[in-house]
N, C-alpha and C. Protein backbone atom coordinates (compact mmCIF):
# COMPACT_ATOMS: atom_id res chain seq x y z
N MET A 1 0.86 -1.17 0.00
CA MET A 1 0.00 0.00 0.00
C MET A 1 0.90 1.23 0.00
N VAL A 2 0.58 2.21 -0.82
CA VAL A 2 1.38 3.43 -0.93
C VAL A 2 0.63 4.57 -0.26
N SER A 3 1.35 5.33 0.53
CA SER A 3 0.77 6.46 1.24
C SER A 3 0.61 7.64 0.29
N PRO A 4 -0.41 8.49 0.47
CA PRO A 4 -0.55 9.68 -0.36
C PRO A 4 0.60 10.65 -0.13
N PHE A 5 1.32 10.48 0.95
CA PHE A 5 2.45 11.34 1.26
C PHE A 5 3.75 10.78 0.72
N GLY A 6 3.68 9.67 0.02
CA GLY A 6 4.87 9.02 -0.51
C GLY A 6 5.36 7.98 0.48
N GLY A 7 5.94 6.93 0.01
CA GLY A 7 6.47 5.91 0.90
C GLY A 7 5.47 4.79 1.13
N ASP A 8 5.85 3.89 1.97
CA ASP A 8 5.07 2.70 2.25
C ASP A 8 4.11 2.97 3.41
N ALA A 9 2.81 2.96 3.16
CA ALA A 9 1.83 3.24 4.20
C ALA A 9 1.82 2.15 5.26
N THR A 10 2.08 0.90 4.88
CA THR A 10 2.12 -0.18 5.87
C THR A 10 3.20 0.09 6.89
N PHE A 11 4.36 0.55 6.43
CA PHE A 11 5.46 0.88 7.35
C PHE A 11 5.03 2.00 8.28
N LEU A 12 4.37 3.05 7.71
CA LEU A 12 3.94 4.17 8.54
C LEU A 12 2.92 3.73 9.58
N LEU A 13 1.95 2.90 9.16
CA LEU A 13 0.95 2.41 10.10
C LEU A 13 1.59 1.58 11.20
N THR A 14 2.50 0.70 10.80
CA THR A 14 3.18 -0.15 11.78
C THR A 14 4.00 0.69 12.73
N THR A 15 4.72 1.68 12.21
CA THR A 15 5.54 2.56 13.04
C THR A 15 4.66 3.36 13.99
N ASN A 16 3.59 3.95 13.47
CA ASN A 16 2.70 4.73 14.32
C ASN A 16 2.06 3.86 15.39
N LYS A 17 1.66 2.66 15.03
CA LYS A 17 1.05 1.76 16.01
C LYS A 17 2.07 1.40 17.08
N SER A 18 3.31 1.17 16.69
CA SER A 18 4.36 0.85 17.66
C SER A 18 4.57 2.01 18.61
N ILE A 19 4.55 3.22 18.09
CA ILE A 19 4.72 4.41 18.94
C ILE A 19 3.56 4.52 19.92
N ILE A 20 2.34 4.36 19.41
CA ILE A 20 1.16 4.46 20.27
C ILE A 20 1.16 3.36 21.31
N MET A 21 1.44 2.13 20.90
CA MET A 21 1.47 1.02 21.86
C MET A 21 2.56 1.25 22.89
N GLY A 22 3.68 1.84 22.49
CA GLY A 22 4.76 2.13 23.41
C GLY A 22 4.36 3.13 24.48
N MET A 23 3.43 4.03 24.14
CA MET A 23 2.97 5.01 25.11
C MET A 23 2.25 4.31 26.27
N PHE A 24 1.59 3.21 25.99
CA PHE A 24 0.83 2.52 27.02
C PHE A 24 1.69 1.58 27.85
N GLU A 25 2.84 1.19 27.32
CA GLU A 25 3.67 0.24 28.05
C GLU A 25 4.17 0.80 29.36
N SER A 26 4.34 2.13 29.46
CA SER A 26 4.83 2.71 30.70
C SER A 26 3.70 3.09 31.64
N ASP A 27 2.47 2.98 31.21
CA ASP A 27 1.33 3.31 32.05
C ASP A 27 0.93 2.08 32.85
N PRO A 28 1.01 2.15 34.19
CA PRO A 28 0.71 0.96 35.00
C PRO A 28 -0.74 0.50 34.91
N LEU A 29 -1.66 1.40 34.54
CA LEU A 29 -3.06 1.00 34.44
C LEU A 29 -3.41 0.42 33.10
N LEU A 30 -2.72 0.85 32.04
CA LEU A 30 -3.06 0.41 30.70
C LEU A 30 -2.15 -0.70 30.20
N SER A 31 -1.08 -0.95 30.89
CA SER A 31 -0.09 -1.92 30.43
C SER A 31 -0.21 -3.21 31.21
N THR A 32 0.09 -4.32 30.53
CA THR A 32 0.16 -5.60 31.22
C THR A 32 1.52 -5.78 31.86
N GLY A 33 2.44 -4.85 31.56
CA GLY A 33 3.79 -4.95 32.07
C GLY A 33 4.68 -5.81 31.19
N ARG A 34 4.08 -6.41 30.17
CA ARG A 34 4.86 -7.27 29.28
C ARG A 34 4.54 -6.86 27.85
N SER A 35 5.54 -6.91 27.00
CA SER A 35 5.35 -6.53 25.60
C SER A 35 4.68 -7.67 24.84
N LEU A 36 4.12 -7.32 23.71
CA LEU A 36 3.48 -8.33 22.87
C LEU A 36 4.50 -9.36 22.41
N GLU A 37 5.72 -8.89 22.12
CA GLU A 37 6.75 -9.82 21.67
C GLU A 37 7.08 -10.83 22.77
N SER A 38 7.20 -10.35 24.03
CA SER A 38 7.53 -11.28 25.11
C SER A 38 6.38 -12.26 25.35
N LEU A 39 5.14 -11.79 25.17
CA LEU A 39 4.00 -12.68 25.33
C LEU A 39 3.98 -13.72 24.21
N ALA A 40 4.33 -13.31 23.00
CA ALA A 40 4.39 -14.25 21.88
C ALA A 40 5.48 -15.30 22.12
N GLN A 41 6.62 -14.85 22.67
CA GLN A 41 7.71 -15.78 22.99
C GLN A 41 7.27 -16.74 24.10
N GLU A 42 6.57 -16.21 25.08
CA GLU A 42 6.06 -17.04 26.17
C GLU A 42 5.07 -18.07 25.64
N ASN A 43 4.21 -17.65 24.73
CA ASN A 43 3.25 -18.56 24.10
C ASN A 43 3.99 -19.68 23.38
N GLU A 44 5.04 -19.33 22.65
CA GLU A 44 5.83 -20.33 21.93
C GLU A 44 6.50 -21.29 22.91
N ALA A 45 6.99 -20.76 24.03
CA ALA A 45 7.64 -21.61 25.03
C ALA A 45 6.63 -22.62 25.62
N TYR A 46 5.41 -22.15 25.90
CA TYR A 46 4.39 -23.05 26.42
C TYR A 46 4.03 -24.13 25.40
N THR A 47 3.97 -23.72 24.13
CA THR A 47 3.67 -24.69 23.08
C THR A 47 4.75 -25.76 23.02
N GLN A 48 6.01 -25.34 23.16
CA GLN A 48 7.12 -26.30 23.15
C GLN A 48 7.05 -27.22 24.37
N LYS A 49 6.67 -26.65 25.54
CA LYS A 49 6.53 -27.48 26.74
C LYS A 49 5.43 -28.52 26.54
N LEU A 50 4.35 -28.11 25.92
CA LEU A 50 3.26 -29.04 25.66
C LEU A 50 3.73 -30.16 24.74
N GLN A 51 4.50 -29.80 23.72
CA GLN A 51 5.05 -30.82 22.82
C GLN A 51 5.97 -31.77 23.58
N ALA A 52 6.77 -31.23 24.50
CA ALA A 52 7.67 -32.07 25.30
C ALA A 52 6.87 -33.01 26.20
N LEU A 53 5.76 -32.53 26.74
CA LEU A 53 4.92 -33.38 27.59
C LEU A 53 4.35 -34.55 26.80
N LYS A 54 4.07 -34.31 25.53
CA LYS A 54 3.54 -35.39 24.70
C LYS A 54 4.57 -36.49 24.49
N GLN A 55 5.85 -36.16 24.68
CA GLN A 55 6.92 -37.14 24.47
C GLN A 55 7.27 -37.92 25.74
N ILE A 56 6.64 -37.59 26.87
CA ILE A 56 6.97 -38.23 28.14
C ILE A 56 6.59 -39.70 28.10
N PRO A 57 7.54 -40.58 28.47
CA PRO A 57 7.21 -42.01 28.54
C PRO A 57 6.14 -42.22 29.61
N GLY A 58 5.35 -43.22 29.43
CA GLY A 58 4.29 -43.50 30.40
C GLY A 58 2.93 -43.06 29.89
N ILE A 59 2.94 -42.20 28.91
CA ILE A 59 1.68 -41.82 28.28
C ILE A 59 1.48 -42.80 27.13
N THR A 60 0.38 -43.50 27.17
CA THR A 60 0.16 -44.54 26.17
C THR A 60 -0.07 -43.93 24.80
N GLN A 61 0.11 -44.76 23.78
CA GLN A 61 -0.09 -44.30 22.41
C GLN A 61 -1.52 -43.81 22.22
N GLN A 62 -2.47 -44.47 22.88
CA GLN A 62 -3.86 -44.05 22.76
C GLN A 62 -4.04 -42.64 23.30
N GLN A 63 -3.34 -42.30 24.40
CA GLN A 63 -3.44 -40.96 24.96
C GLN A 63 -2.79 -39.93 24.05
N ARG A 64 -1.81 -40.36 23.22
CA ARG A 64 -1.09 -39.44 22.34
C ARG A 64 -1.87 -39.14 21.06
N VAL A 65 -2.87 -39.93 20.75
CA VAL A 65 -3.62 -39.70 19.53
C VAL A 65 -4.28 -38.33 19.63
N SER A 66 -3.97 -37.49 18.68
CA SER A 66 -4.52 -36.14 18.73
C SER A 66 -5.84 -36.10 17.99
N THR A 67 -6.68 -35.22 18.45
CA THR A 67 -7.97 -35.05 17.80
C THR A 67 -7.77 -34.07 16.65
N PRO A 68 -8.63 -34.13 15.66
CA PRO A 68 -8.50 -33.20 14.53
C PRO A 68 -8.66 -31.75 15.02
N THR A 69 -7.80 -30.90 14.55
CA THR A 69 -7.86 -29.48 14.93
C THR A 69 -7.75 -28.62 13.68
N PRO A 70 -8.76 -28.67 12.81
CA PRO A 70 -8.65 -27.94 11.53
C PRO A 70 -8.51 -26.43 11.70
N ILE A 71 -9.17 -25.85 12.68
CA ILE A 71 -9.07 -24.39 12.86
C ILE A 71 -7.67 -24.03 13.32
N TRP A 72 -7.18 -24.75 14.33
CA TRP A 72 -5.84 -24.48 14.86
C TRP A 72 -4.80 -24.73 13.77
N ASP A 73 -4.97 -25.80 13.01
CA ASP A 73 -4.03 -26.12 11.93
C ASP A 73 -4.01 -25.01 10.88
N GLU A 74 -5.17 -24.45 10.56
CA GLU A 74 -5.24 -23.38 9.56
C GLU A 74 -4.55 -22.12 10.09
N ILE A 75 -4.78 -21.80 11.37
CA ILE A 75 -4.11 -20.65 11.98
C ILE A 75 -2.60 -20.84 11.90
N ASP A 76 -2.13 -22.02 12.32
CA ASP A 76 -0.69 -22.31 12.29
C ASP A 76 -0.13 -22.21 10.87
N ARG A 77 -0.87 -22.72 9.88
CA ARG A 77 -0.43 -22.69 8.49
C ARG A 77 -0.27 -21.25 8.01
N ILE A 78 -1.26 -20.41 8.31
CA ILE A 78 -1.22 -19.01 7.85
C ILE A 78 -0.10 -18.25 8.56
N VAL A 79 -0.02 -18.38 9.87
CA VAL A 79 0.99 -17.63 10.63
C VAL A 79 2.40 -18.07 10.25
N SER A 80 2.59 -19.37 10.06
CA SER A 80 3.93 -19.85 9.70
C SER A 80 4.35 -19.41 8.30
N SER A 81 3.39 -19.05 7.46
CA SER A 81 3.73 -18.59 6.10
C SER A 81 4.15 -17.12 6.08
N LEU A 82 3.97 -16.40 7.18
CA LEU A 82 4.31 -14.98 7.22
C LEU A 82 5.80 -14.78 7.46
N ASN A 83 6.36 -13.70 6.89
CA ASN A 83 7.75 -13.37 7.20
C ASN A 83 7.78 -12.60 8.51
N ASP A 84 8.96 -12.24 8.99
CA ASP A 84 9.09 -11.59 10.30
C ASP A 84 8.34 -10.26 10.39
N GLN A 85 8.39 -9.46 9.34
CA GLN A 85 7.70 -8.17 9.36
C GLN A 85 6.19 -8.36 9.38
N GLU A 86 5.71 -9.30 8.61
CA GLU A 86 4.26 -9.57 8.58
C GLU A 86 3.80 -10.12 9.93
N ARG A 87 4.61 -10.98 10.51
CA ARG A 87 4.29 -11.54 11.82
C ARG A 87 4.30 -10.45 12.89
N ALA A 88 5.20 -9.47 12.77
CA ALA A 88 5.25 -8.35 13.72
C ALA A 88 3.97 -7.52 13.65
N VAL A 89 3.46 -7.29 12.43
CA VAL A 89 2.20 -6.56 12.28
C VAL A 89 1.07 -7.33 12.97
N LEU A 90 1.05 -8.63 12.77
CA LEU A 90 0.03 -9.48 13.39
C LEU A 90 0.15 -9.44 14.92
N ASN A 91 1.38 -9.56 15.41
CA ASN A 91 1.61 -9.57 16.87
C ASN A 91 1.27 -8.24 17.52
N ASN A 92 1.28 -7.15 16.77
CA ASN A 92 0.96 -5.84 17.33
C ASN A 92 -0.52 -5.50 17.22
N ASN A 93 -1.33 -6.42 16.72
CA ASN A 93 -2.76 -6.19 16.58
C ASN A 93 -3.47 -6.58 17.87
N LYS A 94 -4.28 -5.68 18.41
CA LYS A 94 -4.95 -5.90 19.70
C LYS A 94 -5.87 -7.12 19.67
N GLU A 95 -6.63 -7.28 18.61
CA GLU A 95 -7.56 -8.42 18.53
C GLU A 95 -6.77 -9.73 18.53
N TYR A 96 -5.70 -9.78 17.76
CA TYR A 96 -4.85 -10.98 17.72
C TYR A 96 -4.25 -11.23 19.10
N TYR A 97 -3.79 -10.18 19.74
CA TYR A 97 -3.21 -10.28 21.09
C TYR A 97 -4.25 -10.81 22.09
N ASP A 98 -5.44 -10.22 22.09
CA ASP A 98 -6.49 -10.65 23.02
C ASP A 98 -6.86 -12.12 22.81
N ASN A 99 -7.02 -12.51 21.54
CA ASN A 99 -7.35 -13.90 21.24
C ASN A 99 -6.20 -14.83 21.65
N SER A 100 -4.96 -14.42 21.38
CA SER A 100 -3.80 -15.23 21.76
C SER A 100 -3.73 -15.41 23.27
N MET A 101 -4.03 -14.35 24.00
CA MET A 101 -4.00 -14.44 25.47
C MET A 101 -5.09 -15.39 25.98
N ALA A 102 -6.27 -15.33 25.39
CA ALA A 102 -7.35 -16.24 25.79
C ALA A 102 -6.96 -17.69 25.51
N ILE A 103 -6.37 -17.91 24.33
CA ILE A 103 -5.90 -19.26 23.98
C ILE A 103 -4.81 -19.70 24.96
N GLN A 104 -3.88 -18.79 25.26
CA GLN A 104 -2.78 -19.12 26.16
C GLN A 104 -3.29 -19.51 27.55
N GLU A 105 -4.29 -18.81 28.04
CA GLU A 105 -4.88 -19.14 29.33
C GLU A 105 -5.48 -20.55 29.31
N MET A 106 -6.15 -20.90 28.21
CA MET A 106 -6.73 -22.24 28.10
C MET A 106 -5.63 -23.30 28.04
N VAL A 107 -4.56 -23.01 27.28
CA VAL A 107 -3.44 -23.95 27.18
C VAL A 107 -2.81 -24.14 28.55
N ASN A 108 -2.58 -23.04 29.26
CA ASN A 108 -1.97 -23.14 30.59
C ASN A 108 -2.82 -23.99 31.53
N SER A 109 -4.12 -23.79 31.49
CA SER A 109 -5.02 -24.58 32.34
C SER A 109 -4.93 -26.06 32.01
N GLU A 110 -4.92 -26.37 30.72
CA GLU A 110 -4.85 -27.77 30.30
C GLU A 110 -3.49 -28.40 30.66
N VAL A 111 -2.41 -27.66 30.44
CA VAL A 111 -1.08 -28.17 30.79
C VAL A 111 -1.00 -28.42 32.29
N LEU A 112 -1.53 -27.50 33.07
CA LEU A 112 -1.50 -27.66 34.52
C LEU A 112 -2.26 -28.92 34.94
N LEU A 113 -3.40 -29.15 34.32
CA LEU A 113 -4.16 -30.36 34.64
C LEU A 113 -3.36 -31.62 34.30
N LEU A 114 -2.59 -31.56 33.22
CA LEU A 114 -1.80 -32.71 32.81
C LEU A 114 -0.62 -33.01 33.74
N VAL A 115 -0.05 -31.98 34.33
CA VAL A 115 1.21 -32.17 35.05
C VAL A 115 1.10 -32.09 36.57
N LYS A 116 -0.03 -31.70 37.11
CA LYS A 116 -0.16 -31.55 38.56
C LYS A 116 0.27 -32.81 39.31
N GLY A 117 -0.29 -33.94 38.94
CA GLY A 117 0.02 -35.19 39.63
C GLY A 117 1.48 -35.58 39.53
N ARG A 118 2.06 -35.39 38.36
CA ARG A 118 3.48 -35.73 38.16
C ARG A 118 4.38 -34.84 39.02
N ILE A 119 4.07 -33.56 39.07
CA ILE A 119 4.90 -32.64 39.85
C ILE A 119 4.79 -32.94 41.33
N GLU A 120 3.58 -33.12 41.82
CA GLU A 120 3.41 -33.41 43.25
C GLU A 120 3.97 -34.78 43.60
N GLY A 121 4.01 -35.69 42.63
CA GLY A 121 4.54 -37.03 42.86
C GLY A 121 6.06 -37.08 42.90
N SER A 122 6.74 -36.05 42.39
CA SER A 122 8.21 -36.04 42.43
C SER A 122 8.68 -35.41 43.74
N ALA A 123 9.86 -35.81 44.19
CA ALA A 123 10.40 -35.29 45.45
C ALA A 123 10.62 -33.78 45.36
N GLU A 124 11.22 -33.33 44.26
CA GLU A 124 11.49 -31.90 44.09
C GLU A 124 10.18 -31.11 44.01
N GLY A 125 9.23 -31.61 43.24
CA GLY A 125 7.95 -30.93 43.10
C GLY A 125 7.20 -30.86 44.41
N LYS A 126 7.20 -31.95 45.16
CA LYS A 126 6.51 -31.97 46.45
C LYS A 126 7.13 -30.97 47.41
N ALA A 127 8.48 -30.88 47.42
CA ALA A 127 9.16 -29.94 48.32
C ALA A 127 8.78 -28.50 47.98
N VAL A 128 8.79 -28.15 46.70
CA VAL A 128 8.45 -26.79 46.28
C VAL A 128 6.98 -26.50 46.59
N LEU A 129 6.11 -27.45 46.33
CA LEU A 129 4.69 -27.25 46.62
C LEU A 129 4.44 -27.08 48.12
N GLU A 130 5.16 -27.83 48.95
CA GLU A 130 5.02 -27.68 50.40
C GLU A 130 5.50 -26.30 50.85
N GLN A 131 6.59 -25.80 50.25
CA GLN A 131 7.05 -24.44 50.56
C GLN A 131 5.99 -23.42 50.16
N GLN A 132 5.40 -23.62 48.99
CA GLN A 132 4.38 -22.70 48.51
C GLN A 132 3.15 -22.73 49.41
N LEU A 133 2.75 -23.91 49.84
CA LEU A 133 1.61 -24.06 50.74
C LEU A 133 1.87 -23.33 52.05
N SER A 134 3.05 -23.49 52.61
CA SER A 134 3.41 -22.80 53.84
C SER A 134 3.36 -21.29 53.66
N PHE A 135 3.92 -20.81 52.55
CA PHE A 135 3.91 -19.38 52.26
C PHE A 135 2.48 -18.86 52.11
N VAL A 136 1.65 -19.58 51.35
CA VAL A 136 0.27 -19.15 51.12
C VAL A 136 -0.50 -19.10 52.43
N ARG A 137 -0.31 -20.07 53.28
CA ARG A 137 -1.00 -20.07 54.58
C ARG A 137 -0.59 -18.84 55.39
N ARG A 138 0.72 -18.56 55.46
CA ARG A 138 1.20 -17.40 56.24
C ARG A 138 0.72 -16.09 55.63
N THR A 139 0.87 -15.95 54.34
CA THR A 139 0.62 -14.69 53.67
C THR A 139 -0.86 -14.39 53.50
N SER A 140 -1.69 -15.40 53.36
CA SER A 140 -3.12 -15.15 53.17
C SER A 140 -3.71 -14.45 54.39
N LYS A 141 -3.24 -14.80 55.58
CA LYS A 141 -3.73 -14.14 56.80
C LYS A 141 -3.32 -12.67 56.79
N ILE A 142 -2.09 -12.39 56.40
CA ILE A 142 -1.61 -11.00 56.32
C ILE A 142 -2.38 -10.24 55.25
N ALA A 143 -2.63 -10.87 54.11
CA ALA A 143 -3.37 -10.22 53.03
C ALA A 143 -4.79 -9.88 53.47
N LYS A 144 -5.43 -10.79 54.18
CA LYS A 144 -6.80 -10.53 54.66
C LYS A 144 -6.81 -9.38 55.65
N GLU A 145 -5.83 -9.34 56.56
CA GLU A 145 -5.75 -8.26 57.54
C GLU A 145 -5.50 -6.92 56.86
N GLU A 146 -4.60 -6.89 55.88
CA GLU A 146 -4.27 -5.66 55.16
C GLU A 146 -5.49 -5.16 54.39
N THR A 147 -6.20 -6.06 53.74
CA THR A 147 -7.39 -5.68 52.99
C THR A 147 -8.46 -5.13 53.92
N ALA A 148 -8.67 -5.77 55.06
CA ALA A 148 -9.66 -5.30 56.03
C ALA A 148 -9.27 -3.92 56.56
N ARG A 149 -7.98 -3.70 56.81
CA ARG A 149 -7.50 -2.40 57.30
C ARG A 149 -7.75 -1.31 56.25
N ARG A 150 -7.46 -1.60 54.98
CA ARG A 150 -7.69 -0.62 53.91
C ARG A 150 -9.17 -0.31 53.75
N ASP A 151 -10.00 -1.36 53.82
CA ASP A 151 -11.45 -1.16 53.69
C ASP A 151 -11.97 -0.28 54.83
N ALA A 152 -11.52 -0.53 56.05
CA ALA A 152 -11.94 0.26 57.20
C ALA A 152 -11.48 1.71 57.06
N LEU A 153 -10.27 1.90 56.58
CA LEU A 153 -9.75 3.25 56.38
C LEU A 153 -10.58 4.00 55.35
N PHE A 154 -10.92 3.33 54.27
CA PHE A 154 -11.73 3.96 53.23
C PHE A 154 -13.13 4.29 53.75
N ARG A 155 -13.72 3.35 54.48
CA ARG A 155 -15.05 3.61 55.05
C ARG A 155 -15.02 4.82 55.98
N GLU A 156 -13.97 4.91 56.81
CA GLU A 156 -13.83 6.05 57.71
C GLU A 156 -13.73 7.35 56.91
N TYR A 157 -12.94 7.33 55.85
CA TYR A 157 -12.78 8.53 55.02
C TYR A 157 -14.12 8.95 54.42
N VAL A 158 -14.84 8.00 53.84
CA VAL A 158 -16.10 8.32 53.16
C VAL A 158 -17.16 8.78 54.14
N THR A 159 -17.27 8.14 55.28
CA THR A 159 -18.36 8.45 56.20
C THR A 159 -18.06 9.61 57.14
N GLU A 160 -16.79 9.83 57.47
CA GLU A 160 -16.49 10.84 58.50
C GLU A 160 -15.61 12.00 58.02
N HIS A 161 -14.91 11.84 56.93
CA HIS A 161 -13.93 12.87 56.54
C HIS A 161 -13.99 13.19 55.05
N SER A 162 -15.15 13.11 54.45
CA SER A 162 -15.26 13.36 53.02
C SER A 162 -15.04 14.83 52.66
N ASP A 163 -14.96 15.70 53.68
CA ASP A 163 -14.67 17.10 53.42
C ASP A 163 -13.19 17.32 53.06
N MET A 164 -12.34 16.31 53.31
CA MET A 164 -10.91 16.37 52.99
C MET A 164 -10.66 15.64 51.67
N THR A 165 -9.52 15.94 51.08
CA THR A 165 -9.08 15.10 49.96
C THR A 165 -8.53 13.82 50.56
N TRP A 166 -8.40 12.81 49.72
CA TRP A 166 -7.84 11.54 50.20
C TRP A 166 -6.43 11.76 50.75
N GLN A 167 -5.61 12.56 50.06
CA GLN A 167 -4.24 12.79 50.51
C GLN A 167 -4.22 13.52 51.84
N GLU A 168 -5.10 14.51 52.02
CA GLU A 168 -5.18 15.21 53.31
C GLU A 168 -5.58 14.24 54.42
N PHE A 169 -6.51 13.37 54.12
CA PHE A 169 -6.95 12.39 55.10
C PHE A 169 -5.80 11.46 55.50
N ILE A 170 -5.07 10.95 54.51
CA ILE A 170 -3.95 10.05 54.78
C ILE A 170 -2.88 10.78 55.59
N ASP A 171 -2.58 12.02 55.21
CA ASP A 171 -1.59 12.80 55.97
C ASP A 171 -2.06 12.99 57.41
N TRP A 172 -3.33 13.31 57.59
CA TRP A 172 -3.90 13.49 58.93
C TRP A 172 -3.79 12.20 59.75
N LYS A 173 -4.11 11.06 59.11
CA LYS A 173 -4.01 9.76 59.80
C LYS A 173 -2.57 9.44 60.18
N ASN A 174 -1.62 9.89 59.36
CA ASN A 174 -0.21 9.63 59.64
C ASN A 174 0.40 10.67 60.57
N GLY A 175 -0.41 11.63 61.05
CA GLY A 175 0.07 12.63 62.01
C GLY A 175 0.83 13.77 61.38
N LYS A 176 0.75 13.93 60.08
CA LYS A 176 1.43 15.05 59.43
C LYS A 176 0.57 16.30 59.59
N PRO A 177 1.23 17.46 59.79
CA PRO A 177 0.44 18.69 59.93
C PRO A 177 -0.28 19.01 58.63
N GLN A 178 -1.50 19.49 58.77
CA GLN A 178 -2.30 19.82 57.58
C GLN A 178 -1.90 21.17 57.05
N GLN A 179 -1.85 21.25 55.72
CA GLN A 179 -1.54 22.52 55.07
C GLN A 179 -2.84 23.15 54.65
N LYS A 180 -2.89 24.46 54.73
CA LYS A 180 -4.09 25.18 54.28
C LYS A 180 -4.16 25.07 52.77
N SER A 181 -5.31 24.68 52.26
CA SER A 181 -5.46 24.59 50.81
C SER A 181 -5.69 25.98 50.25
N LYS A 182 -5.10 26.22 49.08
CA LYS A 182 -5.22 27.53 48.41
C LYS A 182 -6.49 27.53 47.57
N LYS A 183 -7.35 28.49 47.83
CA LYS A 183 -8.60 28.59 47.07
C LYS A 183 -8.72 29.93 46.42
């Protein structure tokens, strides 16, 4: 596609989209904290792990028989036919990203279901899981207390001190002297 301003419009669109997407990467509310490229790499890593799991001895040949996946196969065929620049355009598309993330969540859930028993059955896996269980038990109590404290603080602000700004209220609670607001 040629731009009316001269040059390649696809390049301009891709560049502009990269600039716009980059603006959101530093925003903690709008960003996932991870780039699309890193998520695509993570997706590929999970796919490779799934392939490795299929090679584990002990899984019978009947369990290895794959079901027909014409939609997935077509997606793979189309994406694998793209060059790096075309794949970058695809990876920077929000709809593609959202769909890929939904698929990745489903894959992760399925992989977890496949490996839970094996991990807990190994000595190393059991040790790590026991450490995690201990941590979760300790930390969940702290998390519940912290959440209850924040909720109570917010309720107090809304019901008794709504004449102050939130920052003034927090400063007052922390014993800092209040500054006269300029009006």
